[in-house]
Amino acid sequence: MSHYTDLDYASITPAECRQRLLRGENGHWQLPDGPLEVSGQATVGRLLIAHGAGAGQDSTFLQRLRAGLAEGGVQTLAIEFAYLQQMRREGRRRPPPRVDRLVEEMAAWCDFLSHPELPPLWLGGKSMGGRVASLLAARDGAPGLVLCGYPFHPPAKPERLRLDHWPRLACPTLVIQGTRDPFGTREEVAGYALSEHARLHWLQDGDHDWKPRRASGRSQAQLIDEGVAAIVAFMTAHASGHPQPSE
């Protein structure tokens, strides 16, 4: 039995999905291009969120993140890339395809889920999903970006920076990063030339999944809650036209 059957994903058409979104409905829906999970009401805004390279939307991290955002007034629209859907069907791991393919997939979802009668659709994601969102925003523009654990470089390869497209980011951009993230620590990122529109929020002692060491006295759940609060505040500030300074 598939993950989507377990979670009771209802098969619907694109037209039905648009009508449900316009009515403000939440749900787990299976569309021709893959599964979509919509959570929360968009009192603050809407966020299209993609997953990381190795774990899908059912990861503990993303489930808690989406639940917190829904409570804070951010509606999340969670998608899964085609390669991960294939992994689930075959029951074996496989690497993601070239990142430009994932950008095209996200672009198709963005076009489908955007609507003039709905609040603007921000883009974001965890790790690789955030990188894909930033590449799409640099290419096509976006109302805003939320990047959770951005992979500034592969672990132990700080010379291989993934920042070439950042000068083209012209939208409000929030990066929430653990200070110990092996994909970009606080000390490393301090030396990067980032977009003037970017704001960094650092989670003390957090790793790539925002897990702190036990000695810190904090838990992953607490850091996720802190990240949620930062996202809600950032999106609220930009919706009201009063952006916050970088931390």
C-alpha atoms as a PDB file:
ATOM      1  CA  MET A   1       0.000   0.000   0.000  1.00  0.00           C
ATOM      2  CA  SER A   2       1.384   3.428  -0.893  1.00  0.00           C
ATOM      3  CA  HIS A   3       2.118   6.307   1.457  1.00  0.00           C
ATOM      4  CA  TYR A   4      -0.652   8.316  -0.232  1.00  0.00           C
ATOM      5  CA  THR A   5      -3.235   5.562   0.282  1.00  0.00           C
ATOM      6  CA  ASP A   6      -2.227   5.367   3.946  1.00  0.00           C
ATOM      7  CA  LEU A   7      -2.937   9.080   4.338  1.00  0.00           C
ATOM      8  CA  ASP A   8      -6.165   8.883   2.336  1.00  0.00           C
ATOM      9  CA  TYR A   9      -5.127  11.090  -0.578  1.00  0.00           C
ATOM     10  CA  ALA A  10      -8.269  11.642  -2.657  1.00  0.00           C
ATOM     11  CA  SER A  11      -7.788  11.569  -6.440  1.00  0.00           C
ATOM     12  CA  ILE A  12      -9.167  14.787  -7.932  1.00  0.00           C
ATOM     13  CA  THR A  13      -8.845  16.702 -11.180  1.00  0.00           C
ATOM     14  CA  PRO A  14      -6.955  19.997 -11.517  1.00  0.00           C
ATOM     15  CA  ALA A  15     -10.260  21.815 -11.965  1.00  0.00           C
ATOM     16  CA  GLU A  16     -11.622  20.312  -8.742  1.00  0.00           C
ATOM     17  CA  CYS A  17      -8.434  21.282  -6.936  1.00  0.00           C
ATOM     18  CA  ARG A  18      -8.714  24.918  -8.016  1.00  0.00           C
ATOM     19  CA  GLN A  19     -12.292  25.089  -6.786  1.00  0.00           C
ATOM     20  CA  ARG A  20     -11.322  23.599  -3.432  1.00  0.00           C
ATOM     21  CA  LEU A  21      -8.495  26.104  -3.045  1.00  0.00           C
ATOM     22  CA  LEU A  22     -10.827  28.979  -3.860  1.00  0.00           C
ATOM     23  CA  ARG A  23     -13.249  27.696  -1.199  1.00  0.00           C
ATOM     24  CA  GLY A  24     -10.410  27.636   1.323  1.00  0.00           C
ATOM     25  CA  GLU A  25     -10.478  23.869   1.791  1.00  0.00           C
ATOM     26  CA  ASN A  26      -7.656  21.799   3.278  1.00  0.00           C
ATOM     27  CA  GLY A  27      -6.894  18.212   2.343  1.00  0.00           C
ATOM     28  CA  HIS A  28      -4.633  15.490   0.949  1.00  0.00           C
ATOM     29  CA  TRP A  29      -5.210  15.287  -2.794  1.00  0.00           C
ATOM     30  CA  GLN A  30      -3.721  13.171  -5.548  1.00  0.00           C
ATOM     31  CA  LEU A  31      -3.397  15.120  -8.804  1.00  0.00           C
ATOM     32  CA  PRO A  32      -2.062  13.980 -12.190  1.00  0.00           C
ATOM     33  CA  ASP A  33       1.358  15.484 -11.375  1.00  0.00           C
ATOM     34  CA  GLY A  34       1.515  14.051  -7.868  1.00  0.00           C
ATOM     35  CA  PRO A  35       0.266  14.510  -4.297  1.00  0.00           C
ATOM     36  CA  LEU A  36      -0.645  17.843  -2.759  1.00  0.00           C
ATOM     37  CA  GLU A  37      -1.274  18.481   0.925  1.00  0.00           C
ATOM     38  CA  VAL A  38      -2.934  21.789   1.824  1.00  0.00           C
ATOM     39  CA  SER A  39      -2.949  22.826   5.486  1.00  0.00           C
ATOM     40  CA  GLY A  40      -4.213  25.933   7.259  1.00  0.00           C
ATOM     41  CA  GLN A  41      -5.932  29.161   6.278  1.00  0.00           C
ATOM     42  CA  ALA A  42      -4.026  31.953   4.563  1.00  0.00           C
ATOM     43  CA  THR A  43      -4.619  34.719   7.101  1.00  0.00           C
ATOM     44  CA  VAL A  44      -0.902  35.630   6.858  1.00  0.00           C
ATOM     45  CA  GLY A  45      -0.092  34.143   3.450  1.00  0.00           C
ATOM     46  CA  ARG A  46       0.422  31.025   1.337  1.00  0.00           C
ATOM     47  CA  LEU A  47       3.640  28.993   1.067  1.00  0.00           C
ATOM     48  CA  LEU A  48       4.423  26.338  -1.535  1.00  0.00           C
ATOM     49  CA  ILE A  49       6.884  24.060   0.255  1.00  0.00           C
ATOM     50  CA  ALA A  50       9.136  21.363  -1.200  1.00  0.00           C
ATOM     51  CA  HIS A  51      11.056  18.601   0.574  1.00  0.00           C
ATOM     52  CA  GLY A  52      14.740  17.756   0.864  1.00  0.00           C
ATOM     53  CA  ALA A  53      16.682  15.254  -1.215  1.00  0.00           C
ATOM     54  CA  GLY A  54      16.194  12.171   0.938  1.00  0.00           C
ATOM     55  CA  ALA A  55      12.938  12.597   2.884  1.00  0.00           C
ATOM     56  CA  GLY A  56       9.459  13.540   1.699  1.00  0.00           C
ATOM     57  CA  GLN A  57       6.630  15.547   3.181  1.00  0.00           C
ATOM     58  CA  ASP A  58       5.952  12.789   5.726  1.00  0.00           C
ATOM     59  CA  SER A  59       9.216  13.527   7.563  1.00  0.00           C
ATOM     60  CA  THR A  60       8.806  14.505  11.207  1.00  0.00           C
ATOM     61  CA  PHE A  61      10.542  17.817  10.497  1.00  0.00           C
ATOM     62  CA  LEU A  62       8.189  18.898   7.721  1.00  0.00           C
ATOM     63  CA  GLN A  63       5.068  17.629   9.448  1.00  0.00           C
ATOM     64  CA  ARG A  64       5.815  19.698  12.566  1.00  0.00           C
ATOM     65  CA  LEU A  65       6.845  22.706  10.482  1.00  0.00           C
ATOM     66  CA  ARG A  66       3.628  22.667   8.456  1.00  0.00           C
ATOM     67  CA  ALA A  67       1.463  22.161  11.539  1.00  0.00           C
ATOM     68  CA  GLY A  68       3.078  25.137  13.245  1.00  0.00           C
ATOM     69  CA  LEU A  69       2.727  27.348  10.206  1.00  0.00           C
ATOM     70  CA  ALA A  70      -0.959  26.443   9.873  1.00  0.00           C
ATOM     71  CA  GLU A  71      -1.503  27.464  13.503  1.00  0.00           C
ATOM     72  CA  GLY A  72       0.284  30.737  12.768  1.00  0.00           C
ATOM     73  CA  GLY A  73      -1.884  31.652   9.782  1.00  0.00           C
ATOM     74  CA  VAL A  74       0.378  30.482   6.943  1.00  0.00           C
ATOM     75  CA  GLN A  75      -1.313  28.073   4.573  1.00  0.00           C
ATOM     76  CA  THR A  76       1.180  25.481   3.314  1.00  0.00           C
ATOM     77  CA  LEU A  77       0.870  23.683  -0.008  1.00  0.00           C
ATOM     78  CA  ALA A  78       3.193  20.675   0.185  1.00  0.00           C
ATOM     79  CA  ILE A  79       4.349  18.932  -2.987  1.00  0.00           C
ATOM     80  CA  GLU A  80       6.602  15.957  -3.739  1.00  0.00           C
ATOM     81  CA  PHE A  81       8.871  15.717  -6.747  1.00  0.00           C
ATOM     82  CA  ALA A  82       8.392  12.918  -9.277  1.00  0.00           C
ATOM     83  CA  TYR A  83      11.614  11.090  -8.385  1.00  0.00           C
ATOM     84  CA  LEU A  84      10.488  10.671  -4.767  1.00  0.00           C
ATOM     85  CA  GLN A  85       7.108   9.388  -5.892  1.00  0.00           C
ATOM     86  CA  GLN A  86       8.978   6.802  -7.965  1.00  0.00           C
ATOM     87  CA  MET A  87      11.075   5.881  -4.914  1.00  0.00           C
ATOM     88  CA  ARG A  88       7.889   5.157  -2.992  1.00  0.00           C
ATOM     89  CA  ARG A  89       6.420   3.035  -5.787  1.00  0.00           C
ATOM     90  CA  GLU A  90       9.608   0.990  -6.209  1.00  0.00           C
ATOM     91  CA  GLY A  91      10.471   0.771  -2.533  1.00  0.00           C
ATOM     92  CA  ARG A  92      14.101   1.766  -3.062  1.00  0.00           C
ATOM     93  CA  ARG A  93      16.174   4.898  -2.804  1.00  0.00           C
ATOM     94  CA  ARG A  94      17.332   6.866  -5.815  1.00  0.00           C
ATOM     95  CA  PRO A  95      19.172  10.171  -6.178  1.00  0.00           C
ATOM     96  CA  PRO A  96      17.278  13.268  -7.308  1.00  0.00           C
ATOM     97  CA  PRO A  97      17.597  14.279 -10.974  1.00  0.00           C
ATOM     98  CA  ARG A  98      19.398  17.382 -12.197  1.00  0.00           C
ATOM     99  CA  VAL A  99      18.241  20.430 -10.314  1.00  0.00           C
ATOM    100  CA  ASP A 100      16.968  22.176 -13.463  1.00  0.00           C
ATOM    101  CA  ARG A 101      14.428  19.366 -13.871  1.00  0.00           C
ATOM    102  CA  LEU A 102      13.174  19.972 -10.355  1.00  0.00           C
ATOM    103  CA  VAL A 103      12.924  23.696 -11.073  1.00  0.00           C
ATOM    104  CA  GLU A 104      10.622  22.925 -14.013  1.00  0.00           C
ATOM    105  CA  GLU A 105       8.487  20.675 -11.809  1.00  0.00           C
ATOM    106  CA  MET A 106       8.130  23.390  -9.180  1.00  0.00           C
ATOM    107  CA  ALA A 107       7.364  25.969 -11.873  1.00  0.00           C
ATOM    108  CA  ALA A 108       4.476  23.817 -13.109  1.00  0.00           C
ATOM    109  CA  TRP A 109       3.078  23.516  -9.576  1.00  0.00           C
ATOM    110  CA  CYS A 110       3.528  27.256  -9.003  1.00  0.00           C
ATOM    111  CA  ASP A 111       1.626  28.117 -12.183  1.00  0.00           C
ATOM    112  CA  PHE A 112      -1.151  25.711 -11.241  1.00  0.00           C
ATOM    113  CA  LEU A 113      -1.530  26.818  -7.608  1.00  0.00           C
ATOM    114  CA  SER A 114      -1.286  30.578  -8.195  1.00  0.00           C
ATOM    115  CA  HIS A 115      -4.590  32.378  -8.722  1.00  0.00           C
ATOM    116  CA  PRO A 116      -5.524  36.093  -8.867  1.00  0.00           C
ATOM    117  CA  GLU A 117      -8.311  35.540  -6.324  1.00  0.00           C
ATOM    118  CA  LEU A 118      -5.941  33.968  -3.774  1.00  0.00           C
ATOM    119  CA  PRO A 119      -3.094  35.540  -1.748  1.00  0.00           C
ATOM    120  CA  PRO A 120       0.320  35.553  -3.477  1.00  0.00           C
ATOM    121  CA  LEU A 121       2.119  32.208  -3.417  1.00  0.00           C
ATOM    122  CA  TRP A 122       5.496  32.317  -1.670  1.00  0.00           C
ATOM    123  CA  LEU A 123       8.030  29.609  -2.515  1.00  0.00           C
ATOM    124  CA  GLY A 124      10.138  27.604  -0.118  1.00  0.00           C
ATOM    125  CA  GLY A 125      11.419  24.290   1.054  1.00  0.00           C
ATOM    126  CA  LYS A 126      13.739  22.209   3.180  1.00  0.00           C
ATOM    127  CA  SER A 127      17.368  21.955   2.011  1.00  0.00           C
ATOM    128  CA  MET A 128      17.275  20.885  -1.660  1.00  0.00           C
ATOM    129  CA  GLY A 129      13.649  22.006  -1.901  1.00  0.00           C
ATOM    130  CA  GLY A 130      14.685  25.477  -0.793  1.00  0.00           C
ATOM    131  CA  ARG A 131      17.490  25.542  -3.339  1.00  0.00           C
ATOM    132  CA  VAL A 132      15.007  24.640  -6.089  1.00  0.00           C
ATOM    133  CA  ALA A 133      12.647  27.383  -4.883  1.00  0.00           C
ATOM    134  CA  SER A 134      15.453  29.963  -4.915  1.00  0.00           C
ATOM    135  CA  LEU A 135      16.518  28.981  -8.442  1.00  0.00           C
ATOM    136  CA  LEU A 136      12.935  29.352  -9.651  1.00  0.00           C
ATOM    137  CA  ALA A 137      12.589  32.721  -7.900  1.00  0.00           C
ATOM    138  CA  ALA A 138      15.851  33.941  -9.461  1.00  0.00           C
ATOM    139  CA  ARG A 139      14.625  32.876 -12.902  1.00  0.00           C
ATOM    140  CA  ASP A 140      10.942  33.838 -12.827  1.00  0.00           C
ATOM    141  CA  GLY A 141      10.523  36.001  -9.730  1.00  0.00           C
ATOM    142  CA  ALA A 142       8.399  35.243  -6.663  1.00  0.00           C
ATOM    143  CA  PRO A 143       6.447  37.138  -3.985  1.00  0.00           C
ATOM    144  CA  GLY A 144       8.876  35.799  -1.365  1.00  0.00           C
ATOM    145  CA  LEU A 145      11.119  32.904  -0.311  1.00  0.00           C
ATOM    146  CA  VAL A 146      11.381  30.791   2.847  1.00  0.00           C
ATOM    147  CA  LEU A 147      14.497  28.584   2.901  1.00  0.00           C
ATOM    148  CA  CYS A 148      14.805  26.083   5.759  1.00  0.00           C
ATOM    149  CA  GLY A 149      18.329  24.741   6.117  1.00  0.00           C
ATOM    150  CA  TYR A 150      19.687  26.119   2.848  1.00  0.00           C
ATOM    151  CA  PRO A 151      22.455  23.928   1.325  1.00  0.00           C
ATOM    152  CA  PHE A 152      25.029  26.663   0.774  1.00  0.00           C
ATOM    153  CA  HIS A 153      27.570  23.953  -0.093  1.00  0.00           C
ATOM    154  CA  PRO A 154      27.865  20.140   0.182  1.00  0.00           C
ATOM    155  CA  PRO A 155      29.117  18.956   3.580  1.00  0.00           C
ATOM    156  CA  ALA A 156      32.917  19.144   3.908  1.00  0.00           C
ATOM    157  CA  LYS A 157      33.144  20.939   0.547  1.00  0.00           C
ATOM    158  CA  PRO A 158      32.896  24.635   1.437  1.00  0.00           C
ATOM    159  CA  GLU A 159      34.496  25.659  -1.865  1.00  0.00           C
ATOM    160  CA  ARG A 160      31.487  24.390  -3.874  1.00  0.00           C
ATOM    161  CA  LEU A 161      29.112  27.248  -3.154  1.00  0.00           C
ATOM    162  CA  ARG A 162      25.549  27.244  -4.472  1.00  0.00           C
ATOM    163  CA  LEU A 163      25.154  31.007  -4.642  1.00  0.00           C
ATOM    164  CA  ASP A 164      25.614  31.922  -8.317  1.00  0.00           C
ATOM    165  CA  HIS A 165      21.921  32.772  -8.718  1.00  0.00           C
ATOM    166  CA  TRP A 166      21.571  34.724  -5.465  1.00  0.00           C
ATOM    167  CA  PRO A 167      22.377  38.153  -6.947  1.00  0.00           C
ATOM    168  CA  ARG A 168      19.222  37.738  -9.083  1.00  0.00           C
ATOM    169  CA  LEU A 169      16.940  37.222  -6.085  1.00  0.00           C
ATOM    170  CA  ALA A 170      14.755  40.327  -5.933  1.00  0.00           C
ATOM    171  CA  CYS A 171      12.106  39.159  -3.454  1.00  0.00           C
ATOM    172  CA  PRO A 172      11.988  39.045   0.356  1.00  0.00           C
ATOM    173  CA  THR A 173      14.058  36.001   1.346  1.00  0.00           C
ATOM    174  CA  LEU A 174      14.207  34.373   4.778  1.00  0.00           C
ATOM    175  CA  VAL A 175      16.875  31.763   5.532  1.00  0.00           C
ATOM    176  CA  ILE A 176      16.445  29.792   8.752  1.00  0.00           C
ATOM    177  CA  GLN A 177      19.645  27.927   9.528  1.00  0.00           C
ATOM    178  CA  GLY A 178      21.096  25.959  12.412  1.00  0.00           C
ATOM    179  CA  THR A 179      24.376  27.437  13.612  1.00  0.00           C
ATOM    180  CA  ARG A 180      26.034  23.989  13.228  1.00  0.00           C
ATOM    181  CA  ASP A 181      24.555  23.145   9.814  1.00  0.00           C
ATOM    182  CA  PRO A 182      27.269  21.268   7.830  1.00  0.00           C
ATOM    183  CA  PHE A 183      25.777  22.746   4.640  1.00  0.00           C
ATOM    184  CA  GLY A 184      26.648  26.240   5.917  1.00  0.00           C
ATOM    185  CA  THR A 185      27.570  27.198   9.478  1.00  0.00           C
ATOM    186  CA  ARG A 186      27.077  30.646  10.943  1.00  0.00           C
ATOM    187  CA  GLU A 187      30.803  31.373  10.636  1.00  0.00           C
ATOM    188  CA  GLU A 188      30.902  30.324   6.983  1.00  0.00           C
ATOM    189  CA  VAL A 189      27.766  32.177   5.908  1.00  0.00           C
ATOM    190  CA  ALA A 190      29.007  35.374   7.559  1.00  0.00           C
ATOM    191  CA  GLY A 191      31.549  35.665   4.740  1.00  0.00           C
ATOM    192  CA  TYR A 192      29.087  35.207   1.864  1.00  0.00           C
ATOM    193  CA  ALA A 193      27.737  37.994  -0.336  1.00  0.00           C
ATOM    194  CA  LEU A 194      24.008  37.300  -0.243  1.00  0.00           C
ATOM    195  CA  SER A 195      21.051  39.085  -1.783  1.00  0.00           C
ATOM    196  CA  GLU A 196      20.269  42.468  -0.258  1.00  0.00           C
ATOM    197  CA  HIS A 197      16.734  41.174   0.199  1.00  0.00           C
ATOM    198  CA  ALA A 198      17.831  38.224   2.354  1.00  0.00           C
ATOM    199  CA  ARG A 199      17.386  37.954   6.100  1.00  0.00           C
ATOM    200  CA  LEU A 200      19.052  35.220   8.175  1.00  0.00           C
ATOM    201  CA  HIS A 201      17.548  33.728  11.320  1.00  0.00           C
ATOM    202  CA  TRP A 202      19.986  31.505  13.236  1.00  0.00           C
ATOM    203  CA  LEU A 203      18.836  28.607  15.419  1.00  0.00           C
ATOM    204  CA  GLN A 204      21.401  28.227  18.179  1.00  0.00           C
ATOM    205  CA  ASP A 205      23.201  24.848  18.122  1.00  0.00           C
ATOM    206  CA  GLY A 206      20.888  23.435  15.435  1.00  0.00           C
ATOM    207  CA  ASP A 207      22.163  21.088  12.719  1.00  0.00           C
ATOM    208  CA  HIS A 208      20.772  20.644   9.186  1.00  0.00           C
ATOM    209  CA  ASP A 209      17.500  19.266  10.605  1.00  0.00           C
ATOM    210  CA  TRP A 210      17.501  21.870  13.392  1.00  0.00           C
ATOM    211  CA  LYS A 211      18.493  19.272  16.005  1.00  0.00           C
ATOM    212  CA  PRO A 212      20.588  20.732  18.840  1.00  0.00           C
ATOM    213  CA  ARG A 213      22.989  18.781  21.004  1.00  0.00           C
ATOM    214  CA  ARG A 214      21.572  17.528  24.293  1.00  0.00           C
ATOM    215  CA  ALA A 215      24.005  19.720  26.209  1.00  0.00           C
ATOM    216  CA  SER A 216      22.336  22.817  24.734  1.00  0.00           C
ATOM    217  CA  GLY A 217      19.276  22.212  26.884  1.00  0.00           C
ATOM    218  CA  ARG A 218      16.982  22.647  23.886  1.00  0.00           C
ATOM    219  CA  SER A 219      15.110  20.220  21.630  1.00  0.00           C
ATOM    220  CA  GLN A 220      14.461  19.957  17.900  1.00  0.00           C
ATOM    221  CA  ALA A 221      10.789  20.679  18.556  1.00  0.00           C
ATOM    222  CA  GLN A 222      11.701  23.954  20.256  1.00  0.00           C
ATOM    223  CA  LEU A 223      13.936  25.006  17.370  1.00  0.00           C
ATOM    224  CA  ILE A 224      11.227  24.150  14.834  1.00  0.00           C
ATOM    225  CA  ASP A 225       8.774  26.253  16.842  1.00  0.00           C
ATOM    226  CA  GLU A 226      11.290  29.116  16.803  1.00  0.00           C
ATOM    227  CA  GLY A 227      11.683  28.716  13.047  1.00  0.00           C
ATOM    228  CA  VAL A 228       7.914  28.767  12.598  1.00  0.00           C
ATOM    229  CA  ALA A 229       7.626  31.984  14.601  1.00  0.00           C
ATOM    230  CA  ALA A 230      10.345  33.594  12.448  1.00  0.00           C
ATOM    231  CA  ILE A 231       8.558  32.594   9.228  1.00  0.00           C
ATOM    232  CA  VAL A 232       5.192  33.898  10.414  1.00  0.00           C
ATOM    233  CA  ALA A 233       6.738  37.190  11.565  1.00  0.00           C
ATOM    234  CA  PHE A 234       8.660  37.620   8.304  1.00  0.00           C
ATOM    235  CA  MET A 235       5.669  36.935   6.062  1.00  0.00           C
ATOM    236  CA  THR A 236       3.448  39.149   8.226  1.00  0.00           C
ATOM    237  CA  ALA A 237       5.954  42.007   8.088  1.00  0.00           C
ATOM    238  CA  HIS A 238       6.251  41.878   4.310  1.00  0.00           C
ATOM    239  CA  ALA A 239       2.521  41.565   3.834  1.00  0.00           C
ATOM    240  CA  SER A 240       2.132  44.766   5.865  1.00  0.00           C
ATOM    241  CA  GLY A 241       4.998  46.509   4.095  1.00  0.00           C
ATOM    242  CA  HIS A 242       7.266  46.739   7.162  1.00  0.00           C
ATOM    243  CA  PRO A 243      10.170  44.302   6.635  1.00  0.00           C
ATOM    244  CA  GLN A 244      12.314  43.326   9.614  1.00  0.00           C
ATOM    245  CA  PRO A 245      16.076  43.867   9.848  1.00  0.00           C
ATOM    246  CA  SER A 246      18.467  40.952   9.446  1.00  0.00           C
ATOM    247  CA  GLU A 247      19.585  39.129  12.592  1.00  0.00           C
END
